């Protein structure tokens, strides 16, 4: 962390503040976990804190301590705007461009509150007044933990904070199997366990509570919507509107689906293509030296080297055609570093 930024934040937090915390639309485990971890910390420091989500978040994250206090912005737009307008400090977690908070972009942008970005995505847009940014971090939850430590408050981390931060770190590291799992991550997790985090309970809460509809949906997706291109070491799953209607999908039900593509031998790039309205969304995952963000940037997106996303107003058919063309364009990269060394 930048020592000057730490000192500046310490000054900001030296007296009680009105704080708003927000995160990207369709929040995942890291977005909600980092936000609630920070929420409990700042509340414990005597600040007035509100958390505003720009969209609803998955049911399997609503057990996290403090989740019931999260305001779903579109459900009460007036209150959400009032929170942002009246905030002295606005913490922007797990995103680096204001368009990621949808309709609240102009509200946050126009607020007189100081904007503090905590994030690990590439290419920040520069909207913030203060940044705690590290693209090498495993997760935003890791950055929140490091921030609390750098503020000299590590010994004040509670089980409530730990539950939230563990959730963020664990989900963004793929249960500690992704390349962003550093020795430092394991040391953080050890400390969180020492303050009382029950890792077995959290894994059960996150992964062992699927609905029957969701399991049927996963089976349908793998059996009918999976397209594999062995010559390009790539695969994608394509979901149209009818699939979403047929299986009564809830927020978060597609989470992790794209990772099934990478479980196929010699597949180094996996894509989930979805549409429910006039926007087609793409989620990219990769391994073995293949860059997800290279493909995401072709669809107005970005993210991390091995995990990225994009969106376009093209039709599903147009997206498929262009994606397959990109497979050909990048076929040398798609061989992966393991194949290249052979």
Foldseek 3Di string as FASTA:
>chain_A
DDPVLLVVVCVVLVDAWQEEEEEFAQDDLQRQLQRQLVVVVSVVSPYHYAYEYLADYDPLNCVQPPSVRYHDCVVPVPVVLVSLQRGQEYEYEADQALCRSPPCSVSNLPHPHFYEYQHQWPDHPPSGPHYQYHVLALGSLVSSQVSCVSNVNNVVRALSSLLSSCSSNCVSCVNVPHPSNDPVNVVSNVVSVVRPHDVVVSCCSNPVPDDPLLVVLLVCQVVPFKDDDQLLLEIEGEEEQVSCVVSVDDRPSCPPSQVVSVVDPSRFKTWYWYDNDQKIKIKIAGDQQQARQVVQVVQVWGTHRGIIMHMDSDDPVVVVVVVVVVSVVCSVRSSHNVNVVD
